[in-house]
């Protein structure tokens, strides 16, 4: 069965489930991957969709095109991921704020926001490839090998861009806070 075919099931049995998995796994994976830009997280999301579908197969009755149902489930998974990530970031920020004794929460917020703004500006002024490598490393948490594979460059080039970016950013931050 082609991926573009319309599939409609009243009941999801083992044969139907296997067919759905084989037919739509890649499409759901790509939907998740485009948003989260992390292969393992995208695979986990798709696995969760199919696990949930299988575990709830007796309760679920899908009428119409199941592809729409699965695509919506993938989009919902991505939304859940970003909601969890936002809550984790919020919790992290709360921990940072509560751990400081010498600086008030308001002063810390202002200082953090100011530093974040300056850092974003400095990063945006890096060369395109250096900025891309830096963001993939620091924001997406990718290892040098993964970055090299994605950008089709050597690991040494990735290391060079990261160390150069770090050095440039440290110099600019030091200049910013010189008294």
Protein backbone atom coordinates (compact mmCIF):
# COMPACT_ATOMS: atom_id res chain seq x y z
CA UNK A 1 0.00 0.00 0.00
CA UNK A 2 1.38 3.42 -0.94
CA UNK A 3 1.90 6.05 1.75
CA UNK A 4 -0.52 8.46 0.05
CA UNK A 5 -3.40 5.99 -0.01
CA UNK A 6 -6.38 6.82 2.18
CA UNK A 7 -6.72 4.28 4.94
CA UNK A 8 -9.77 3.94 7.12
CA UNK A 9 -10.19 1.40 9.92
CA UNK A 10 -13.09 0.86 12.24
CA UNK A 11 -11.01 -1.44 14.46
CA UNK A 12 -7.24 -1.60 14.86
CA UNK A 13 -6.06 -5.19 15.01
CA UNK A 14 -2.49 -6.48 14.79
CA UNK A 15 -2.46 -6.65 10.97
CA UNK A 16 -3.91 -3.15 10.63
CA UNK A 17 -1.48 -1.83 13.22
CA UNK A 18 1.51 -3.31 11.39
CA UNK A 19 0.25 -1.83 8.13
CA UNK A 20 -0.19 1.59 9.77
CA UNK A 21 3.27 1.44 11.27
CA UNK A 22 4.94 0.51 7.98
CA UNK A 23 2.96 3.05 6.00
CA UNK A 24 3.14 6.16 8.22
CA UNK A 25 6.15 5.80 10.50
CA UNK A 26 8.51 7.78 8.29
CA UNK A 27 6.01 10.58 7.68
CA UNK A 28 5.32 10.98 11.41
CA UNK A 29 9.04 10.82 12.17
CA UNK A 30 9.77 13.63 9.70
CA UNK A 31 6.97 15.79 11.12
CA UNK A 32 8.44 15.44 14.61
CA UNK A 33 12.05 15.78 13.46
CA UNK A 34 11.37 19.06 11.62
CA UNK A 35 10.11 20.60 14.83
CA UNK A 36 12.37 19.18 17.53
CA UNK A 37 15.53 18.77 15.39
CA UNK A 38 16.63 15.78 17.45
CA UNK A 39 16.52 12.35 15.84
CA UNK A 40 16.23 10.40 19.09
CA UNK A 41 13.46 12.61 20.47
CA UNK A 42 11.57 12.41 17.16
CA UNK A 43 11.85 8.60 17.17
CA UNK A 44 10.66 8.48 20.78
CA UNK A 45 7.67 10.66 19.92
CA UNK A 46 6.62 8.43 17.04
CA UNK A 47 7.14 5.37 19.22
CA UNK A 48 4.86 6.93 21.86
CA UNK A 49 2.18 7.62 19.24
CA UNK A 50 2.17 4.00 18.09
CA UNK A 51 2.40 2.66 21.65
CA UNK A 52 -0.60 4.75 22.66
CA UNK A 53 -2.49 3.68 19.54
CA UNK A 54 -1.82 0.02 20.33
CA UNK A 55 -2.61 0.28 24.04
CA UNK A 56 -5.88 2.11 23.37
CA UNK A 57 -6.88 0.15 20.26
CA UNK A 58 -9.99 -1.22 21.98
CA UNK A 59 -11.21 2.28 22.88
CA UNK A 60 -10.29 4.11 19.66
CA UNK A 61 -12.65 4.10 16.70
CA UNK A 62 -11.23 6.14 13.85
CA UNK A 63 -13.63 7.10 11.13
CA UNK A 64 -12.27 8.63 7.98
CA UNK A 65 -8.65 9.01 6.97
CA UNK A 66 -6.36 7.63 9.65
CA UNK A 67 -3.44 9.56 8.20
CA UNK A 68 -5.06 12.78 9.43
CA UNK A 69 -5.48 11.22 12.86
CA UNK A 70 -1.81 10.15 13.02
CA UNK A 71 -0.50 13.48 11.70
CA UNK A 72 -2.58 15.31 14.33
CA UNK A 73 -1.18 12.96 16.99
CA UNK A 74 2.37 13.80 15.85
CA UNK A 75 1.66 17.53 15.99
CA UNK A 76 0.16 17.11 19.46
CA UNK A 77 3.28 15.21 20.58
CA UNK A 78 5.47 18.07 19.36
CA UNK A 79 3.30 20.59 21.24
CA UNK A 80 3.55 18.48 24.41
CA UNK A 81 7.32 18.34 24.01
CA UNK A 82 7.65 22.12 23.77
CA UNK A 83 5.22 22.63 26.67
CA UNK A 84 7.31 20.26 28.82
CA UNK A 85 10.48 22.00 27.68
CA UNK A 86 9.04 25.41 28.59
CA UNK A 87 8.00 24.15 32.03
CA UNK A 88 11.47 22.66 32.57
CA UNK A 89 13.08 25.95 31.56
CA UNK A 90 10.71 27.80 33.88
CA UNK A 91 11.62 25.45 36.73
CA UNK A 92 15.31 25.89 35.94
CA UNK A 93 14.95 29.64 36.02
CA UNK A 94 13.06 29.45 39.32
CA UNK A 95 15.86 27.36 40.78
CA UNK A 96 18.45 29.87 39.61
CA UNK A 97 16.44 32.72 41.10
CA UNK A 98 15.83 31.03 44.45
CA UNK A 99 19.48 29.96 44.92
CA UNK A 100 20.89 33.47 44.86
CA UNK A 101 21.15 35.13 48.28
CA UNK A 102 23.10 38.26 47.46
CA UNK A 103 21.11 39.44 44.45
CA UNK A 104 17.39 40.06 44.53
CA UNK A 105 15.17 38.19 42.09
CA UNK A 106 14.39 41.36 40.16
CA UNK A 107 18.04 42.34 39.81
CA UNK A 108 18.89 38.82 38.73
CA UNK A 109 16.10 38.86 36.11
CA UNK A 110 17.35 42.13 34.71
CA UNK A 111 20.96 40.95 34.65
CA UNK A 112 20.02 37.61 33.08
CA UNK A 113 17.82 39.22 30.42
CA UNK A 114 20.51 41.79 29.65
CA UNK A 115 23.21 39.13 29.35
CA UNK A 116 20.90 36.93 27.24
CA UNK A 117 20.17 39.85 24.92
CA UNK A 118 23.86 40.71 24.52
CA UNK A 119 24.81 37.07 24.00
CA UNK A 120 22.13 36.61 21.32
CA UNK A 121 23.36 39.75 19.58
CA UNK A 122 26.96 38.58 19.75
CA UNK A 123 26.04 35.13 18.43
CA UNK A 124 24.04 36.67 15.59
CA UNK A 125 27.18 38.61 14.57
CA UNK A 126 29.23 35.42 14.15
CA UNK A 127 29.78 34.15 10.62
CA UNK A 128 26.93 32.01 9.28
CA UNK A 129 28.67 28.65 9.65
CA UNK A 130 30.24 29.48 13.03
CA UNK A 131 26.82 30.61 14.31
CA UNK A 132 25.17 27.47 12.93
CA UNK A 133 27.76 25.20 14.58
CA UNK A 134 27.53 27.13 17.87
CA UNK A 135 23.71 26.94 17.94
CA UNK A 136 23.68 23.24 17.10
CA UNK A 137 26.13 22.60 19.94
CA UNK A 138 24.78 24.92 22.63
CA UNK A 139 21.06 25.14 21.90
CA UNK A 140 20.37 21.72 20.40
CA UNK A 141 22.97 19.89 22.50
CA UNK A 142 24.49 18.02 19.56
CA UNK A 143 27.94 16.45 19.78
CA UNK A 144 30.70 17.47 17.36
CA UNK A 145 30.30 14.26 15.34
CA UNK A 146 26.55 14.86 14.89
CA UNK A 147 27.15 18.46 13.84
CA UNK A 148 29.85 17.38 11.39
CA UNK A 149 27.51 14.77 9.88
CA UNK A 150 24.61 17.20 9.53
CA UNK A 151 26.70 19.97 7.98
CA UNK A 152 28.95 17.66 5.95
CA UNK A 153 32.12 19.10 7.47
CA UNK A 154 34.92 17.52 9.47
CA UNK A 155 34.89 17.24 13.25
CA UNK A 156 38.04 19.39 13.33
CA UNK A 157 36.16 22.15 11.52
CA UNK A 158 33.36 21.87 14.07
CA UNK A 159 35.91 22.07 16.93
CA UNK A 160 37.56 25.07 15.29
CA UNK A 161 34.26 26.92 14.91
CA UNK A 162 33.25 26.16 18.50
CA UNK A 163 36.56 27.24 20.02
CA UNK A 164 36.63 30.37 17.86
CA UNK A 165 33.05 31.23 18.79
CA UNK A 166 33.80 30.66 22.48
CA UNK A 167 36.89 32.86 22.34
CA UNK A 168 35.07 35.66 20.48
CA UNK A 169 32.11 35.55 22.86
CA UNK A 170 34.34 35.53 25.96
CA UNK A 171 36.27 38.55 24.68
CA UNK A 172 33.09 40.47 23.87
CA UNK A 173 31.47 39.64 27.21
CA UNK A 174 34.65 40.70 29.03
CA UNK A 175 34.64 44.01 27.09
CA UNK A 176 30.97 44.48 27.91
CA UNK A 177 31.52 44.14 31.66
CA UNK A 178 34.85 45.98 31.94
CA UNK A 179 34.83 48.68 34.57
